[in-house]
């Protein structure tokens, strides 16, 4: 019967009986993560309920003293998902509180990201200490409820100067970003200047690109709507933008000092019909906020 052997590094044939002297590979456990792979399977057994749970238990019981808070939190999260009965009630509560804090921090970061590019007037963003009530507050609450339906609104805020129309729109933007939805502020003049910038020599953008850019936000504010030449070119661009946002069911707020008749004539029949259907006109005829104590 032939004998079994292995070849050494020098090429000599070393004989042995039944491979009993063949060295077995040994993989040391990792010091900074749960044991896994072949070493973990040999030590703890195979399968989630076998090797993995035992590895978790081993890690907690033997390595906890050498782990920082972040490492312990990571291990607790894994145990809470796969084997929660191994945690004490206090540890489960800590995991729950930590998850709530992490979700809250995530929402705050996302809100900050949305507001970093919302282009809102800085003067109107620092008004947290002001209590806006009366008719102004009632209109704001009504618009918030209508926007929460999710089917998009096209609303025009018209009326005297200083009535708080822009402030009302910015408050709606604040609520939108807190709810993790995008918002963008632009004046009518700024919108047309952005489009005209695409006509420069060497510009990489086209009119279509600008319209795509402004149709994306969940809420778009167009201020100073009356400050435009009302040429056919402007009418066509505005119709294309507002019609696309109407089709996408995104909300648009138009702000103007025009009267109701002047605004409807300025919009034209098609956009006026969409305005009446989805939002309507809000006449802000209450006293001016400017020059009064707030």
Protein backbone atom coordinates (compact mmCIF):
# COMPACT_ATOMS: atom_id res chain seq x y z
CA UNK A 1 0.00 0.00 0.00
CA UNK A 2 1.53 3.38 -0.99
CA UNK A 3 2.52 5.71 1.76
CA UNK A 4 1.19 9.27 1.92
CA UNK A 5 3.54 12.19 2.35
CA UNK A 6 4.02 15.90 1.75
CA UNK A 7 6.82 17.79 0.07
CA UNK A 8 8.85 20.20 2.19
CA UNK A 9 10.09 23.63 1.07
CA UNK A 10 13.45 22.06 0.07
CA UNK A 11 11.75 19.50 -2.09
CA UNK A 12 12.39 16.49 0.20
CA UNK A 13 9.59 13.96 0.50
CA UNK A 14 8.59 13.58 4.18
CA UNK A 15 6.65 10.45 4.96
CA UNK A 16 3.88 10.20 7.49
CA UNK A 17 0.99 7.95 8.29
CA UNK A 18 -2.47 9.16 7.20
CA UNK A 19 -1.48 12.85 7.04
CA UNK A 20 -1.61 12.98 10.83
CA UNK A 21 1.38 15.30 10.98
CA UNK A 22 0.15 17.76 8.33
CA UNK A 23 -0.10 21.19 10.03
CA UNK A 24 -3.63 22.62 9.97
CA UNK A 25 -4.09 26.27 9.07
CA UNK A 26 -4.99 28.56 11.96
CA UNK A 27 -6.59 31.95 11.44
CA UNK A 28 -6.44 34.16 14.55
CA UNK A 29 -9.59 36.04 15.52
CA UNK A 30 -9.88 39.68 14.55
CA UNK A 31 -9.48 42.10 17.43
CA UNK A 32 -11.74 44.82 16.05
CA UNK A 33 -14.65 42.99 14.38
CA UNK A 34 -16.86 39.95 14.81
CA UNK A 35 -15.25 36.66 13.90
CA UNK A 36 -16.36 35.46 10.50
CA UNK A 37 -15.29 33.26 7.63
CA UNK A 38 -13.82 29.76 7.98
CA UNK A 39 -12.28 30.42 11.39
CA UNK A 40 -15.60 31.54 12.84
CA UNK A 41 -17.42 28.57 11.31
CA UNK A 42 -14.94 26.05 12.77
CA UNK A 43 -15.01 27.69 16.20
CA UNK A 44 -18.73 28.35 16.55
CA UNK A 45 -20.44 26.16 13.98
CA UNK A 46 -22.20 27.07 10.76
CA UNK A 47 -25.28 29.15 10.06
CA UNK A 48 -26.75 32.35 11.42
CA UNK A 49 -28.26 30.70 14.49
CA UNK A 50 -25.07 28.80 15.17
CA UNK A 51 -21.81 30.52 14.38
CA UNK A 52 -22.94 34.12 14.05
CA UNK A 53 -24.93 34.32 17.27
CA UNK A 54 -22.21 32.57 19.23
CA UNK A 55 -19.64 34.89 17.73
CA UNK A 56 -21.72 37.88 18.82
CA UNK A 57 -22.10 36.50 22.32
CA UNK A 58 -18.37 35.75 22.50
CA UNK A 59 -17.53 39.25 21.31
CA UNK A 60 -19.77 40.88 23.89
CA UNK A 61 -18.73 38.77 26.85
CA UNK A 62 -14.96 38.65 26.22
CA UNK A 63 -14.18 41.85 24.31
CA UNK A 64 -16.60 44.40 25.77
CA UNK A 65 -14.03 45.86 28.16
CA UNK A 66 -11.69 46.62 25.25
CA UNK A 67 -14.34 48.23 22.99
CA UNK A 68 -15.19 51.93 22.78
CA UNK A 69 -18.76 53.24 22.80
CA UNK A 70 -19.12 53.21 19.01
CA UNK A 71 -17.95 49.59 18.77
CA UNK A 72 -20.31 48.49 21.53
CA UNK A 73 -23.20 50.34 19.86
CA UNK A 74 -22.48 48.56 16.57
CA UNK A 75 -22.48 45.16 18.28
CA UNK A 76 -25.69 45.96 20.16
CA UNK A 77 -27.40 46.93 16.89
CA UNK A 78 -26.47 43.58 15.35
CA UNK A 79 -27.66 41.65 18.39
CA UNK A 80 -30.89 43.65 18.53
CA UNK A 81 -31.60 42.68 14.92
CA UNK A 82 -30.70 38.97 15.03
CA UNK A 83 -30.87 37.91 18.68
CA UNK A 84 -32.63 40.57 20.78
CA UNK A 85 -33.30 38.35 23.81
CA UNK A 86 -29.59 38.46 24.67
CA UNK A 87 -29.82 42.18 25.50
CA UNK A 88 -31.01 43.53 28.81
CA UNK A 89 -34.05 45.86 28.88
CA UNK A 90 -31.72 48.79 29.54
CA UNK A 91 -29.57 47.94 26.51
CA UNK A 92 -32.68 47.63 24.30
CA UNK A 93 -33.91 51.03 25.48
CA UNK A 94 -30.50 52.57 24.77
CA UNK A 95 -30.61 51.12 21.26
CA UNK A 96 -34.08 52.58 20.71
CA UNK A 97 -33.07 56.04 21.96
CA UNK A 98 -29.92 56.00 19.86
CA UNK A 99 -31.90 55.08 16.74
CA UNK A 100 -34.29 57.99 17.36
CA UNK A 101 -31.40 60.41 17.81
CA UNK A 102 -29.67 59.16 14.67
CA UNK A 103 -32.87 59.59 12.63
CA UNK A 104 -33.37 63.11 14.03
CA UNK A 105 -29.77 64.06 13.19
CA UNK A 106 -30.22 62.64 9.71
CA UNK A 107 -33.31 64.79 9.14
CA UNK A 108 -31.51 67.89 10.43
CA UNK A 109 -28.59 67.28 8.05
CA UNK A 110 -30.96 66.74 5.13
CA UNK A 111 -32.88 69.93 6.00
CA UNK A 112 -29.63 71.90 6.11
CA UNK A 113 -28.64 70.49 2.71
CA UNK A 114 -31.97 71.55 1.18
CA UNK A 115 -31.76 75.04 2.66
CA UNK A 116 -28.18 75.50 1.48
CA UNK A 117 -29.49 75.82 -2.07
CA UNK A 118 -33.04 77.15 -1.62
CA UNK A 119 -32.07 80.79 -2.50
CA UNK A 120 -34.51 82.23 0.05
CA UNK A 121 -34.04 85.94 0.98
CA UNK A 122 -31.91 86.02 4.13
CA UNK A 123 -34.02 88.79 5.67
CA UNK A 124 -37.06 86.52 5.62
CA UNK A 125 -35.31 83.47 7.06
CA UNK A 126 -34.47 85.05 10.45
CA UNK A 127 -37.99 85.54 11.78
CA UNK A 128 -38.41 82.63 14.19
CA UNK A 129 -39.10 84.96 17.13
CA UNK A 130 -41.99 86.70 15.36
CA UNK A 131 -45.51 85.41 15.96
CA UNK A 132 -47.48 85.72 12.75
CA UNK A 133 -51.17 85.41 13.46
CA UNK A 134 -54.50 86.83 12.36
CA UNK A 135 -55.52 86.53 8.72
CA UNK A 136 -51.90 85.99 7.70
CA UNK A 137 -51.60 82.94 9.95
CA UNK A 138 -54.95 81.56 8.81
CA UNK A 139 -53.88 81.75 5.15
CA UNK A 140 -50.57 80.07 5.97
CA UNK A 141 -52.27 77.17 7.77
CA UNK A 142 -54.74 76.76 4.91
CA UNK A 143 -51.98 76.60 2.30
CA UNK A 144 -49.99 74.11 4.37
CA UNK A 145 -52.99 71.76 4.52
CA UNK A 146 -53.59 72.04 0.78
CA UNK A 147 -49.95 71.35 -0.02
CA UNK A 148 -49.89 68.29 2.26
CA UNK A 149 -52.36 66.55 -0.07
CA UNK A 150 -49.44 65.92 -2.41
CA UNK A 151 -51.19 66.68 -5.71
CA UNK A 152 -49.48 70.06 -6.23
CA UNK A 153 -50.97 73.55 -6.09
CA UNK A 154 -50.62 76.67 -8.22
CA UNK A 155 -51.43 79.63 -5.97
CA UNK A 156 -51.09 83.38 -6.48
CA UNK A 157 -50.55 85.71 -3.51
CA UNK A 158 -51.61 89.22 -4.48
CA UNK A 159 -52.22 92.45 -2.59
CA UNK A 160 -50.64 95.54 -1.14
CA UNK A 161 -46.92 95.91 -0.47
CA UNK A 162 -45.78 95.00 3.03
CA UNK A 163 -48.59 92.51 3.66
CA UNK A 164 -46.09 89.69 4.27
CA UNK A 165 -46.58 87.79 1.01
CA UNK A 166 -42.90 86.93 0.61
CA UNK A 167 -42.64 86.05 4.30
CA UNK A 168 -45.63 83.76 3.91
CA UNK A 169 -43.96 82.00 0.99
CA UNK A 170 -40.69 81.58 2.90
CA UNK A 171 -42.55 80.05 5.85
CA UNK A 172 -44.04 77.52 3.43
CA UNK A 173 -40.51 76.80 2.20
CA UNK A 174 -39.36 76.20 5.78
CA UNK A 175 -42.14 73.68 6.34
CA UNK A 176 -41.37 71.96 3.06
CA UNK A 177 -37.68 71.48 3.90
CA UNK A 178 -38.47 70.26 7.42
CA UNK A 179 -40.60 67.59 5.75
CA UNK A 180 -37.56 66.64 3.64
CA UNK A 181 -38.89 68.15 0.41
CA UNK A 182 -36.99 70.61 -1.77
CA UNK A 183 -37.91 74.29 -2.18
CA UNK A 184 -36.56 77.10 -4.36
CA UNK A 185 -37.10 80.87 -4.40
CA UNK A 186 -36.59 83.02 -7.50
CA UNK A 187 -37.83 86.39 -8.70
CA UNK A 188 -39.39 86.63 -12.15
CA UNK A 189 -36.49 88.83 -13.31
CA UNK A 190 -33.92 86.35 -12.02
CA UNK A 191 -35.71 83.50 -13.81
CA UNK A 192 -35.59 85.28 -17.17
CA UNK A 193 -31.96 86.33 -16.63
CA UNK A 194 -31.07 82.67 -16.02
CA UNK A 195 -32.70 81.72 -19.31
CA UNK A 196 -31.02 84.56 -21.20
CA UNK A 197 -27.63 83.45 -19.84
CA UNK A 198 -27.93 80.34 -21.99
CA UNK A 199 -27.73 82.51 -25.12
CA UNK A 200 -24.15 83.54 -24.38
CA UNK A 201 -21.42 82.19 -26.57
CA UNK A 202 -19.87 79.12 -24.98
CA UNK A 203 -22.76 78.41 -22.62
CA UNK A 204 -23.21 74.72 -21.84
CA UNK A 205 -26.89 75.14 -20.92
CA UNK A 206 -29.97 75.55 -23.07
CA UNK A 207 -33.48 76.82 -22.37
CA UNK A 208 -34.58 73.22 -21.91
CA UNK A 209 -31.90 72.66 -19.24
CA UNK A 210 -33.04 75.70 -17.27
CA UNK A 211 -36.68 74.62 -17.40
CA UNK A 212 -35.67 71.14 -16.18
CA UNK A 213 -33.72 72.73 -13.33
CA UNK A 214 -36.68 74.82 -12.15
CA UNK A 215 -39.32 72.12 -12.58
CA UNK A 216 -37.58 69.76 -10.12
CA UNK A 217 -38.17 71.44 -6.71
CA UNK A 218 -41.20 70.26 -4.79
CA UNK A 219 -42.05 73.93 -4.09
CA UNK A 220 -41.13 76.87 -6.33
CA UNK A 221 -41.69 80.52 -5.34
CA UNK A 222 -41.78 83.12 -8.14
CA UNK A 223 -41.69 86.59 -6.58
CA UNK A 224 -42.27 90.01 -8.20
CA UNK A 225 -44.29 88.37 -10.96
CA UNK A 226 -45.41 91.72 -12.39
CA UNK A 227 -41.82 92.88 -13.05
CA UNK A 228 -41.52 91.57 -16.58
CA UNK A 229 -41.99 92.83 -20.12
CA UNK A 230 -44.85 90.39 -20.86
CA UNK A 231 -43.49 89.68 -24.34
CA UNK A 232 -44.51 86.60 -26.29
CA UNK A 233 -41.10 85.10 -25.50
CA UNK A 234 -41.67 85.51 -21.75
CA UNK A 235 -45.23 84.23 -21.99
CA UNK A 236 -44.08 81.08 -23.79
CA UNK A 237 -41.29 80.37 -21.30
CA UNK A 238 -43.55 80.89 -18.28
CA UNK A 239 -46.25 78.71 -19.74
CA UNK A 240 -43.71 75.93 -20.44
CA UNK A 241 -42.35 76.04 -16.89
CA UNK A 242 -45.69 76.30 -15.05
CA UNK A 243 -47.36 73.72 -17.28
CA UNK A 244 -44.52 71.23 -16.65
CA UNK A 245 -44.78 71.77 -12.88
CA UNK A 246 -48.57 71.39 -13.09
CA UNK A 247 -48.11 68.07 -14.89
CA UNK A 248 -45.51 66.92 -12.32
CA UNK A 249 -47.88 67.84 -9.45
CA UNK A 250 -45.28 70.13 -7.88
CA UNK A 251 -46.44 73.22 -5.99
CA UNK A 252 -45.82 76.76 -7.30
CA UNK A 253 -46.50 80.04 -5.49
CA UNK A 254 -46.71 83.26 -7.52
CA UNK A 255 -46.31 86.58 -5.67
CA UNK A 256 -47.50 89.82 -7.24
CA UNK A 257 -48.72 93.31 -6.35
CA UNK A 258 -51.20 93.19 -9.22
CA UNK A 259 -54.95 93.14 -8.88
CA UNK A 260 -56.86 89.93 -9.54
CA UNK A 261 -57.93 91.07 -13.03
CA UNK A 262 -54.42 92.21 -13.95
CA UNK A 263 -52.90 88.92 -12.84
CA UNK A 264 -55.35 86.77 -14.79
CA UNK A 265 -54.77 88.83 -17.92
CA UNK A 266 -51.02 88.49 -17.41
CA UNK A 267 -51.19 84.71 -17.04
CA UNK A 268 -53.43 84.06 -20.00
CA UNK A 269 -56.42 81.72 -20.24
CA UNK A 270 -54.58 78.39 -20.02
CA UNK A 271 -52.53 79.18 -16.90
CA UNK A 272 -55.46 81.00 -15.29
CA UNK A 273 -57.53 77.84 -15.71
CA UNK A 274 -54.83 75.75 -14.00
CA UNK A 275 -54.54 78.34 -11.24
CA UNK A 276 -58.27 78.23 -10.48
CA UNK A 277 -58.28 74.41 -10.60
CA UNK A 278 -55.41 73.67 -8.21
CA UNK A 279 -55.05 76.65 -5.89
CA UNK A 280 -56.64 79.93 -6.79
CA UNK A 281 -55.83 83.50 -5.84
CA UNK A 282 -55.27 84.66 -2.26
CA UNK A 283 -55.85 88.39 -1.80
CA UNK A 284 -53.65 89.67 1.03
CA UNK A 285 -55.57 92.83 1.92
CA UNK A 286 -54.75 92.96 5.63
CA UNK A 287 -52.72 95.92 7.02
CA UNK A 288 -49.04 96.20 6.13
CA UNK A 289 -46.51 94.67 8.53
CA UNK A 290 -43.87 97.25 7.68
CA UNK A 291 -43.45 100.12 10.05
CA UNK A 292 -45.54 98.47 12.83
CA UNK A 293 -44.51 96.66 15.97
CA UNK A 294 -44.43 92.90 15.45
